[in-house]
Amino acid sequence: MKKFFGNLKARFNKAGVAVHNRIETAKETVRNKLGEGYIDTAVKIIIGVVIGGVLLAGLYALFNTTVIPTLGEKITEMFSYTGNAA
C-alpha cells in the first residue's frame, strides 16, 4: 500500500510539473513583445484594399466595354428572328 501511494504521489508531482511548465510557457508567450505590430497589420490591410479596388475597377471596365455590349447584341439577334429558314 505504501508503494501504491508513493507511485501515486510521484505521478501527481510529474503531472504538476508538466502543468506548471505549460502555464509558464503560456505566460511567456503573452509577455513576448516580438512579432507583428499594429503598423504592419495596417499596411497589409491597406495594400489589400487598394489591390481589391484596382481589380474591381478593371473588371467593371471590362464588363462595361466588352461583355455587356456583346451580350446585348447577341440577345437582340436571338429575339429578332425573322423566321426564314436558310
N, C-alpha and C. Protein backbone atom coordinates (compact mmCIF):
# COMPACT_ATOMS: atom_id res chain seq x y z
N MET A 1 0.82 -1.18 0.00
CA MET A 1 0.00 0.00 0.00
C MET A 1 0.87 1.25 0.00
N LYS A 2 1.98 1.17 0.72
CA LYS A 2 2.90 2.30 0.78
C LYS A 2 3.49 2.58 -0.60
N LYS A 3 3.81 1.50 -1.32
CA LYS A 3 4.37 1.64 -2.65
C LYS A 3 3.35 2.26 -3.61
N PHE A 4 2.06 1.86 -3.47
CA PHE A 4 1.00 2.41 -4.30
C PHE A 4 0.88 3.92 -4.11
N PHE A 5 0.84 4.37 -2.86
CA PHE A 5 0.73 5.79 -2.60
C PHE A 5 1.99 6.55 -3.01
N GLY A 6 3.13 5.90 -2.91
CA GLY A 6 4.36 6.52 -3.37
C GLY A 6 4.35 6.73 -4.88
N ASN A 7 3.87 5.71 -5.62
CA ASN A 7 3.74 5.85 -7.08
C ASN A 7 2.72 6.91 -7.46
N LEU A 8 1.62 6.93 -6.72
CA LEU A 8 0.57 7.91 -6.99
C LEU A 8 1.09 9.33 -6.76
N LYS A 9 1.84 9.51 -5.68
CA LYS A 9 2.41 10.82 -5.37
C LYS A 9 3.40 11.24 -6.46
N ALA A 10 4.21 10.30 -6.93
CA ALA A 10 5.18 10.60 -7.99
C ALA A 10 4.47 11.00 -9.28
N ARG A 11 3.37 10.32 -9.59
CA ARG A 11 2.61 10.68 -10.80
C ARG A 11 2.03 12.08 -10.69
N PHE A 12 1.45 12.41 -9.53
CA PHE A 12 0.89 13.74 -9.36
C PHE A 12 1.97 14.82 -9.44
N ASN A 13 3.12 14.54 -8.87
CA ASN A 13 4.21 15.51 -8.94
C ASN A 13 4.67 15.71 -10.39
N LYS A 14 4.76 14.60 -11.12
CA LYS A 14 5.19 14.68 -12.52
C LYS A 14 4.16 15.45 -13.35
N ALA A 15 2.86 15.18 -13.12
CA ALA A 15 1.80 15.89 -13.83
C ALA A 15 1.79 17.37 -13.43
N GLY A 16 2.05 17.64 -12.16
CA GLY A 16 2.08 19.03 -11.69
C GLY A 16 3.19 19.81 -12.36
N VAL A 17 4.34 19.18 -12.56
CA VAL A 17 5.46 19.84 -13.23
C VAL A 17 5.10 20.14 -14.69
N ALA A 18 4.44 19.20 -15.35
CA ALA A 18 4.05 19.40 -16.75
C ALA A 18 3.05 20.55 -16.85
N VAL A 19 2.09 20.60 -15.96
CA VAL A 19 1.10 21.68 -15.98
C VAL A 19 1.79 23.00 -15.68
N HIS A 20 2.68 23.01 -14.71
CA HIS A 20 3.41 24.24 -14.37
C HIS A 20 4.22 24.74 -15.56
N ASN A 21 4.88 23.80 -16.28
CA ASN A 21 5.66 24.20 -17.46
C ASN A 21 4.77 24.80 -18.54
N ARG A 22 3.60 24.22 -18.73
CA ARG A 22 2.68 24.77 -19.74
C ARG A 22 2.17 26.14 -19.35
N ILE A 23 1.90 26.34 -18.08
CA ILE A 23 1.44 27.65 -17.61
C ILE A 23 2.54 28.69 -17.82
N GLU A 24 3.77 28.34 -17.48
CA GLU A 24 4.89 29.27 -17.68
C GLU A 24 5.10 29.58 -19.16
N THR A 25 4.95 28.58 -20.02
CA THR A 25 5.08 28.81 -21.46
C THR A 25 4.00 29.77 -21.95
N ALA A 26 2.79 29.60 -21.48
CA ALA A 26 1.69 30.49 -21.87
C ALA A 26 1.95 31.92 -21.37
N LYS A 27 2.42 32.06 -20.14
CA LYS A 27 2.72 33.39 -19.61
C LYS A 27 3.83 34.06 -20.43
N GLU A 28 4.85 33.30 -20.78
CA GLU A 28 5.95 33.85 -21.57
C GLU A 28 5.47 34.27 -22.96
N THR A 29 4.59 33.50 -23.54
CA THR A 29 4.05 33.85 -24.86
C THR A 29 3.27 35.15 -24.79
N VAL A 30 2.50 35.34 -23.74
CA VAL A 30 1.72 36.57 -23.59
C VAL A 30 2.65 37.76 -23.35
N ARG A 31 3.72 37.56 -22.59
CA ARG A 31 4.66 38.64 -22.30
C ARG A 31 5.57 38.97 -23.48
N ASN A 32 5.64 38.12 -24.46
CA ASN A 32 6.56 38.28 -25.59
C ASN A 32 6.20 39.53 -26.40
N LYS A 33 7.15 40.40 -26.62
CA LYS A 33 6.93 41.65 -27.35
C LYS A 33 7.30 41.53 -28.82
N LEU A 34 7.84 40.41 -29.23
CA LEU A 34 8.24 40.23 -30.62
C LEU A 34 7.03 39.87 -31.48
N GLY A 35 7.19 40.02 -32.78
CA GLY A 35 6.12 39.61 -33.69
C GLY A 35 5.55 40.78 -34.45
N GLU A 36 4.37 40.59 -34.91
CA GLU A 36 3.73 41.58 -35.76
C GLU A 36 3.21 42.74 -34.94
N GLY A 37 3.40 43.93 -35.45
CA GLY A 37 2.90 45.11 -34.78
C GLY A 37 1.65 45.63 -35.46
N TYR A 38 1.13 46.70 -34.91
CA TYR A 38 -0.10 47.28 -35.45
C TYR A 38 0.15 47.92 -36.82
N ILE A 39 1.31 48.53 -36.99
CA ILE A 39 1.63 49.20 -38.25
C ILE A 39 1.71 48.18 -39.38
N ASP A 40 2.36 47.07 -39.14
CA ASP A 40 2.48 46.03 -40.17
C ASP A 40 1.10 45.54 -40.62
N THR A 41 0.25 45.30 -39.66
CA THR A 41 -1.09 44.81 -39.98
C THR A 41 -1.88 45.87 -40.74
N ALA A 42 -1.77 47.12 -40.34
CA ALA A 42 -2.49 48.20 -41.03
C ALA A 42 -2.02 48.34 -42.47
N VAL A 43 -0.72 48.24 -42.69
CA VAL A 43 -0.18 48.34 -44.06
C VAL A 43 -0.69 47.19 -44.91
N LYS A 44 -0.73 46.00 -44.36
CA LYS A 44 -1.24 44.84 -45.11
C LYS A 44 -2.70 45.03 -45.48
N ILE A 45 -3.49 45.55 -44.57
CA ILE A 45 -4.91 45.78 -44.85
C ILE A 45 -5.07 46.83 -45.93
N ILE A 46 -4.31 47.92 -45.86
CA ILE A 46 -4.40 48.98 -46.87
C ILE A 46 -3.98 48.45 -48.23
N ILE A 47 -2.93 47.67 -48.30
CA ILE A 47 -2.49 47.09 -49.57
C ILE A 47 -3.59 46.19 -50.14
N GLY A 48 -4.20 45.38 -49.29
CA GLY A 48 -5.28 44.50 -49.75
C GLY A 48 -6.47 45.28 -50.28
N VAL A 49 -6.83 46.37 -49.62
CA VAL A 49 -7.97 47.19 -50.08
C VAL A 49 -7.64 47.85 -51.41
N VAL A 50 -6.44 48.36 -51.56
CA VAL A 50 -6.05 49.03 -52.81
C VAL A 50 -6.03 48.03 -53.96
N ILE A 51 -5.42 46.87 -53.75
CA ILE A 51 -5.37 45.86 -54.81
C ILE A 51 -6.78 45.38 -55.16
N GLY A 52 -7.62 45.19 -54.17
CA GLY A 52 -9.01 44.80 -54.42
C GLY A 52 -9.76 45.86 -55.22
N GLY A 53 -9.54 47.12 -54.89
CA GLY A 53 -10.19 48.21 -55.63
C GLY A 53 -9.74 48.26 -57.08
N VAL A 54 -8.45 48.06 -57.31
CA VAL A 54 -7.93 48.06 -58.68
C VAL A 54 -8.52 46.90 -59.47
N LEU A 55 -8.59 45.73 -58.86
CA LEU A 55 -9.18 44.57 -59.54
C LEU A 55 -10.66 44.80 -59.86
N LEU A 56 -11.40 45.35 -58.92
CA LEU A 56 -12.81 45.62 -59.17
C LEU A 56 -13.00 46.67 -60.27
N ALA A 57 -12.17 47.69 -60.27
CA ALA A 57 -12.27 48.71 -61.32
C ALA A 57 -11.95 48.10 -62.69
N GLY A 58 -10.96 47.23 -62.76
CA GLY A 58 -10.62 46.57 -64.01
C GLY A 58 -11.75 45.68 -64.50
N LEU A 59 -12.35 44.92 -63.61
CA LEU A 59 -13.47 44.06 -64.00
C LEU A 59 -14.68 44.88 -64.44
N TYR A 60 -14.94 45.98 -63.74
CA TYR A 60 -16.05 46.86 -64.11
C TYR A 60 -15.83 47.43 -65.51
N ALA A 61 -14.61 47.89 -65.80
CA ALA A 61 -14.31 48.44 -67.13
C ALA A 61 -14.42 47.35 -68.19
N LEU A 62 -13.95 46.17 -67.91
CA LEU A 62 -14.03 45.06 -68.87
C LEU A 62 -15.47 44.70 -69.18
N PHE A 63 -16.29 44.58 -68.15
CA PHE A 63 -17.68 44.19 -68.38
C PHE A 63 -18.45 45.29 -69.10
N ASN A 64 -18.21 46.56 -68.78
CA ASN A 64 -18.96 47.64 -69.41
C ASN A 64 -18.55 47.87 -70.85
N THR A 65 -17.31 47.61 -71.21
CA THR A 65 -16.86 47.90 -72.57
C THR A 65 -16.90 46.68 -73.48
N THR A 66 -16.76 45.49 -72.95
CA THR A 66 -16.64 44.31 -73.81
C THR A 66 -17.80 43.34 -73.63
N VAL A 67 -18.07 42.93 -72.44
CA VAL A 67 -19.01 41.84 -72.21
C VAL A 67 -20.46 42.29 -72.39
N ILE A 68 -20.86 43.38 -71.75
CA ILE A 68 -22.26 43.80 -71.77
C ILE A 68 -22.71 44.18 -73.19
N PRO A 69 -21.96 45.01 -73.95
CA PRO A 69 -22.42 45.31 -75.31
C PRO A 69 -22.52 44.07 -76.20
N THR A 70 -21.56 43.18 -76.10
CA THR A 70 -21.60 41.96 -76.90
C THR A 70 -22.79 41.11 -76.49
N LEU A 71 -23.05 41.02 -75.22
CA LEU A 71 -24.18 40.25 -74.72
C LEU A 71 -25.49 40.86 -75.22
N GLY A 72 -25.57 42.19 -75.20
CA GLY A 72 -26.77 42.88 -75.72
C GLY A 72 -27.00 42.58 -77.18
N GLU A 73 -25.95 42.59 -77.98
CA GLU A 73 -26.07 42.28 -79.41
C GLU A 73 -26.55 40.85 -79.61
N LYS A 74 -25.99 39.92 -78.87
CA LYS A 74 -26.38 38.51 -79.01
C LYS A 74 -27.84 38.30 -78.65
N ILE A 75 -28.30 38.96 -77.59
CA ILE A 75 -29.70 38.82 -77.18
C ILE A 75 -30.61 39.44 -78.22
N THR A 76 -30.23 40.61 -78.76
CA THR A 76 -31.03 41.25 -79.81
C THR A 76 -31.11 40.36 -81.04
N GLU A 77 -30.01 39.78 -81.46
CA GLU A 77 -30.02 38.88 -82.60
C GLU A 77 -30.89 37.66 -82.34
N MET A 78 -30.89 37.16 -81.12
CA MET A 78 -31.65 35.98 -80.78
C MET A 78 -33.15 36.24 -80.83
N PHE A 79 -33.60 37.42 -80.40
CA PHE A 79 -35.03 37.71 -80.36
C PHE A 79 -35.56 38.39 -81.63
N SER A 80 -34.67 38.82 -82.50
CA SER A 80 -35.15 39.43 -83.74
C SER A 80 -35.10 38.40 -84.88
N TYR A 81 -35.52 37.22 -84.61
CA TYR A 81 -35.51 36.13 -85.59
C TYR A 81 -36.65 36.38 -86.59
N THR A 82 -36.32 36.36 -87.87
CA THR A 82 -37.32 36.68 -88.91
C THR A 82 -38.13 35.46 -89.34
N GLY A 83 -37.68 34.30 -89.04
CA GLY A 83 -38.45 33.11 -89.36
C GLY A 83 -38.10 32.49 -90.70
N ASN A 84 -37.17 33.04 -91.45
CA ASN A 84 -36.77 32.49 -92.74
C ASN A 84 -35.77 31.38 -92.51
N ALA A 85 -36.08 30.22 -93.00
CA ALA A 85 -35.14 29.11 -92.89
C ALA A 85 -34.13 29.19 -93.99
N ALA A 86 -32.90 28.94 -93.70
CA ALA A 86 -31.86 29.04 -94.72
C ALA A 86 -31.69 27.75 -95.45
